[in-house]
Amino acid sequence: MEKPNFIIFLTDDQGYGDLSCMGSPDVQTPHIDGLAQGGARFTSW
């Protein structure tokens, strides 16, 4: 069994809707969107 890979992005002063994968119409984040599409998004901490 392979060990899972984990990447955790810890950012300061970022709101829930500040990424385009979370619905932001103002900021486009295509690379982060791709990571979110292929992985898991934790939306409730």
PDB file of N, CA and C in Angstrom:
ATOM      1  N   MET A   1       0.846  -1.185   0.000  1.00  0.00           N
ATOM      2  CA  MET A   1       0.000   0.000   0.000  1.00  0.00           C
ATOM      3  C   MET A   1       0.888   1.243   0.000  1.00  0.00           C
ATOM      4  N   GLU A   2       0.603   2.154  -0.919  1.00  0.00           N
ATOM      5  CA  GLU A   2       1.376   3.387  -1.002  1.00  0.00           C
ATOM      6  C   GLU A   2       0.952   4.373   0.073  1.00  0.00           C
ATOM      7  N   LYS A   3       1.909   5.147   0.548  1.00  0.00           N
ATOM      8  CA  LYS A   3       1.590   6.215   1.496  1.00  0.00           C
ATOM      9  C   LYS A   3       0.940   7.364   0.729  1.00  0.00           C
ATOM     10  N   PRO A   4      -0.090   7.988   1.279  1.00  0.00           N
ATOM     11  CA  PRO A   4      -0.731   9.115   0.583  1.00  0.00           C
ATOM     12  C   PRO A   4       0.152  10.353   0.623  1.00  0.00           C
ATOM     13  N   ASN A   5      -0.016  11.193  -0.366  1.00  0.00           N
ATOM     14  CA  ASN A   5       0.680  12.479  -0.411  1.00  0.00           C
ATOM     15  C   ASN A   5      -0.251  13.554   0.114  1.00  0.00           C
ATOM     16  N   PHE A   6       0.268  14.443   0.924  1.00  0.00           N
ATOM     17  CA  PHE A   6      -0.515  15.540   1.473  1.00  0.00           C
ATOM     18  C   PHE A   6       0.181  16.854   1.179  1.00  0.00           C
ATOM     19  N   ILE A   7      -0.583  17.814   0.718  1.00  0.00           N
ATOM     20  CA  ILE A   7      -0.115  19.191   0.567  1.00  0.00           C
ATOM     21  C   ILE A   7      -1.118  20.061   1.304  1.00  0.00           C
ATOM     22  N   ILE A   8      -0.633  20.849   2.232  1.00  0.00           N
ATOM     23  CA  ILE A   8      -1.502  21.747   2.984  1.00  0.00           C
ATOM     24  C   ILE A   8      -1.052  23.171   2.692  1.00  0.00           C
ATOM     25  N   PHE A   9      -1.983  23.978   2.213  1.00  0.00           N
ATOM     26  CA  PHE A   9      -1.710  25.391   1.972  1.00  0.00           C
ATOM     27  C   PHE A   9      -2.261  26.170   3.150  1.00  0.00           C
ATOM     28  N   LEU A  10      -1.400  26.836   3.854  1.00  0.00           N
ATOM     29  CA  LEU A  10      -1.808  27.666   4.979  1.00  0.00           C
ATOM     30  C   LEU A  10      -1.578  29.116   4.566  1.00  0.00           C
ATOM     31  N   THR A  11      -2.658  29.870   4.483  1.00  0.00           N
ATOM     32  CA  THR A  11      -2.554  31.261   4.050  1.00  0.00           C
ATOM     33  C   THR A  11      -3.148  32.178   5.107  1.00  0.00           C
ATOM     34  N   ASP A  12      -2.686  33.402   5.093  1.00  0.00           N
ATOM     35  CA  ASP A  12      -3.149  34.395   6.051  1.00  0.00           C
ATOM     36  C   ASP A  12      -4.038  35.405   5.330  1.00  0.00           C
ATOM     37  N   ASP A  13      -5.104  35.785   5.958  1.00  0.00           N
ATOM     38  CA  ASP A  13      -6.014  36.814   5.427  1.00  0.00           C
ATOM     39  C   ASP A  13      -6.733  36.398   4.152  1.00  0.00           C
ATOM     40  N   GLN A  14      -6.943  35.116   3.977  1.00  0.00           N
ATOM     41  CA  GLN A  14      -7.679  34.640   2.808  1.00  0.00           C
ATOM     42  C   GLN A  14      -9.080  34.248   3.236  1.00  0.00           C
ATOM     43  N   GLY A  15     -10.055  34.794   2.574  1.00  0.00           N
ATOM     44  CA  GLY A  15     -11.435  34.459   2.875  1.00  0.00           C
ATOM     45  C   GLY A  15     -11.874  33.200   2.146  1.00  0.00           C
ATOM     46  N   TYR A  16     -13.033  32.687   2.516  1.00  0.00           N
ATOM     47  CA  TYR A  16     -13.558  31.453   1.941  1.00  0.00           C
ATOM     48  C   TYR A  16     -13.721  31.571   0.431  1.00  0.00           C
ATOM     49  N   GLY A  17     -14.214  32.695  -0.043  1.00  0.00           N
ATOM     50  CA  GLY A  17     -14.506  32.852  -1.464  1.00  0.00           C
ATOM     51  C   GLY A  17     -13.437  33.571  -2.252  1.00  0.00           C
ATOM     52  N   ASP A  18     -12.198  33.584  -1.787  1.00  0.00           N
ATOM     53  CA  ASP A  18     -11.129  34.315  -2.468  1.00  0.00           C
ATOM     54  C   ASP A  18     -10.448  33.524  -3.581  1.00  0.00           C
ATOM     55  N   LEU A  19     -10.804  32.278  -3.776  1.00  0.00           N
ATOM     56  CA  LEU A  19     -10.250  31.466  -4.863  1.00  0.00           C
ATOM     57  C   LEU A  19     -11.341  31.221  -5.897  1.00  0.00           C
ATOM     58  N   SER A  20     -10.944  31.095  -7.151  1.00  0.00           N
ATOM     59  CA  SER A  20     -11.968  30.870  -8.178  1.00  0.00           C
ATOM     60  C   SER A  20     -12.643  29.508  -8.024  1.00  0.00           C
ATOM     61  N   CYS A  21     -11.964  28.516  -7.450  1.00  0.00           N
ATOM     62  CA  CYS A  21     -12.605  27.212  -7.238  1.00  0.00           C
ATOM     63  C   CYS A  21     -13.675  27.290  -6.149  1.00  0.00           C
ATOM     64  N   MET A  22     -13.672  28.368  -5.374  1.00  0.00           N
ATOM     65  CA  MET A  22     -14.684  28.562  -4.336  1.00  0.00           C
ATOM     66  C   MET A  22     -15.707  29.613  -4.753  1.00  0.00           C
ATOM     67  N   GLY A  23     -15.629  30.071  -6.017  1.00  0.00           N
ATOM     68  CA  GLY A  23     -16.650  30.966  -6.542  1.00  0.00           C
ATOM     69  C   GLY A  23     -16.250  32.412  -6.727  1.00  0.00           C
ATOM     70  N   SER A  24     -14.986  32.756  -6.550  1.00  0.00           N
ATOM     71  CA  SER A  24     -14.582  34.151  -6.705  1.00  0.00           C
ATOM     72  C   SER A  24     -14.626  34.563  -8.178  1.00  0.00           C
ATOM     73  N   PRO A  25     -15.365  35.613  -8.506  1.00  0.00           N
ATOM     74  CA  PRO A  25     -15.375  36.101  -9.889  1.00  0.00           C
ATOM     75  C   PRO A  25     -14.205  37.069 -10.155  1.00  0.00           C
ATOM     76  N   ASP A  26     -13.551  37.544  -9.105  1.00  0.00           N
ATOM     77  CA  ASP A  26     -12.514  38.571  -9.245  1.00  0.00           C
ATOM     78  C   ASP A  26     -11.109  38.007  -9.434  1.00  0.00           C
ATOM     79  N   VAL A  27     -10.806  36.900  -8.781  1.00  0.00           N
ATOM     80  CA  VAL A  27      -9.459  36.345  -8.804  1.00  0.00           C
ATOM     81  C   VAL A  27      -9.497  34.985  -9.491  1.00  0.00           C
ATOM     82  N   GLN A  28      -8.662  34.813 -10.516  1.00  0.00           N
ATOM     83  CA  GLN A  28      -8.580  33.534 -11.211  1.00  0.00           C
ATOM     84  C   GLN A  28      -7.368  32.754 -10.687  1.00  0.00           C
ATOM     85  N   THR A  29      -7.600  31.542 -10.222  1.00  0.00           N
ATOM     86  CA  THR A  29      -6.532  30.699  -9.669  1.00  0.00           C
ATOM     87  C   THR A  29      -6.574  29.326 -10.346  1.00  0.00           C
ATOM     88  N   PRO A  30      -6.209  29.245 -11.635  1.00  0.00           N
ATOM     89  CA  PRO A  30      -6.371  28.001 -12.381  1.00  0.00           C
ATOM     90  C   PRO A  30      -5.522  26.844 -11.858  1.00  0.00           C
ATOM     91  N   HIS A  31      -4.334  27.101 -11.369  1.00  0.00           N
ATOM     92  CA  HIS A  31      -3.483  26.008 -10.872  1.00  0.00           C
ATOM     93  C   HIS A  31      -4.027  25.440  -9.565  1.00  0.00           C
ATOM     94  N   ILE A  32      -4.467  26.310  -8.685  1.00  0.00           N
ATOM     95  CA  ILE A  32      -5.080  25.845  -7.433  1.00  0.00           C
ATOM     96  C   ILE A  32      -6.409  25.156  -7.731  1.00  0.00           C
ATOM     97  N   ASP A  33      -7.150  25.647  -8.717  1.00  0.00           N
ATOM     98  CA  ASP A  33      -8.403  25.006  -9.119  1.00  0.00           C
ATOM     99  C   ASP A  33      -8.147  23.578  -9.590  1.00  0.00           C
ATOM    100  N   GLY A  34      -7.067  23.382 -10.342  1.00  0.00           N
ATOM    101  CA  GLY A  34      -6.721  22.041 -10.810  1.00  0.00           C
ATOM    102  C   GLY A  34      -6.384  21.108  -9.665  1.00  0.00           C
ATOM    103  N   LEU A  35      -5.660  21.615  -8.678  1.00  0.00           N
ATOM    104  CA  LEU A  35      -5.356  20.807  -7.496  1.00  0.00           C
ATOM    105  C   LEU A  35      -6.636  20.458  -6.741  1.00  0.00           C
ATOM    106  N   ALA A  36      -7.538  21.418  -6.630  1.00  0.00           N
ATOM    107  CA  ALA A  36      -8.797  21.188  -5.917  1.00  0.00           C
ATOM    108  C   ALA A  36      -9.669  20.170  -6.655  1.00  0.00           C
ATOM    109  N   GLN A  37      -9.638  20.212  -7.978  1.00  0.00           N
ATOM    110  CA  GLN A  37     -10.459  19.294  -8.762  1.00  0.00           C
ATOM    111  C   GLN A  37      -9.956  17.858  -8.637  1.00  0.00           C
ATOM    112  N   GLY A  38      -8.639  17.679  -8.541  1.00  0.00           N
ATOM    113  CA  GLY A  38      -8.075  16.340  -8.478  1.00  0.00           C
ATOM    114  C   GLY A  38      -7.873  15.820  -7.068  1.00  0.00           C
ATOM    115  N   GLY A  39      -8.229  16.594  -6.073  1.00  0.00           N
ATOM    116  CA  GLY A  39      -7.982  16.186  -4.690  1.00  0.00           C
ATOM    117  C   GLY A  39      -9.208  16.360  -3.821  1.00  0.00           C
ATOM    118  N   ALA A  40      -8.968  16.674  -2.580  1.00  0.00           N
ATOM    119  CA  ALA A  40     -10.053  16.862  -1.614  1.00  0.00           C
ATOM    120  C   ALA A  40     -10.079  18.318  -1.174  1.00  0.00           C
ATOM    121  N   ARG A  41     -11.286  18.862  -1.077  1.00  0.00           N
ATOM    122  CA  ARG A  41     -11.443  20.230  -0.570  1.00  0.00           C
ATOM    123  C   ARG A  41     -12.136  20.139   0.781  1.00  0.00           C
ATOM    124  N   PHE A  42     -11.512  20.741   1.761  1.00  0.00           N
ATOM    125  CA  PHE A  42     -12.090  20.783   3.108  1.00  0.00           C
ATOM    126  C   PHE A  42     -12.711  22.162   3.285  1.00  0.00           C
ATOM    127  N   THR A  43     -14.026  22.218   3.309  1.00  0.00           N
ATOM    128  CA  THR A  43     -14.713  23.504   3.280  1.00  0.00           C
ATOM    129  C   THR A  43     -15.272  23.910   4.638  1.00  0.00           C
ATOM    130  N   SER A  44     -15.095  23.094   5.639  1.00  0.00           N
ATOM    131  CA  SER A  44     -15.606  23.437   6.957  1.00  0.00           C
ATOM    132  C   SER A  44     -14.567  23.046   8.010  1.00  0.00           C
ATOM    133  N   TRP A  45     -13.869  24.021   8.522  1.00  0.00           N
ATOM    134  CA  TRP A  45     -12.835  23.738   9.514  1.00  0.00           C
ATOM    135  C   TRP A  45     -13.461  23.808  10.867  1.00  0.00           C
TER     136      TRP A  45
END
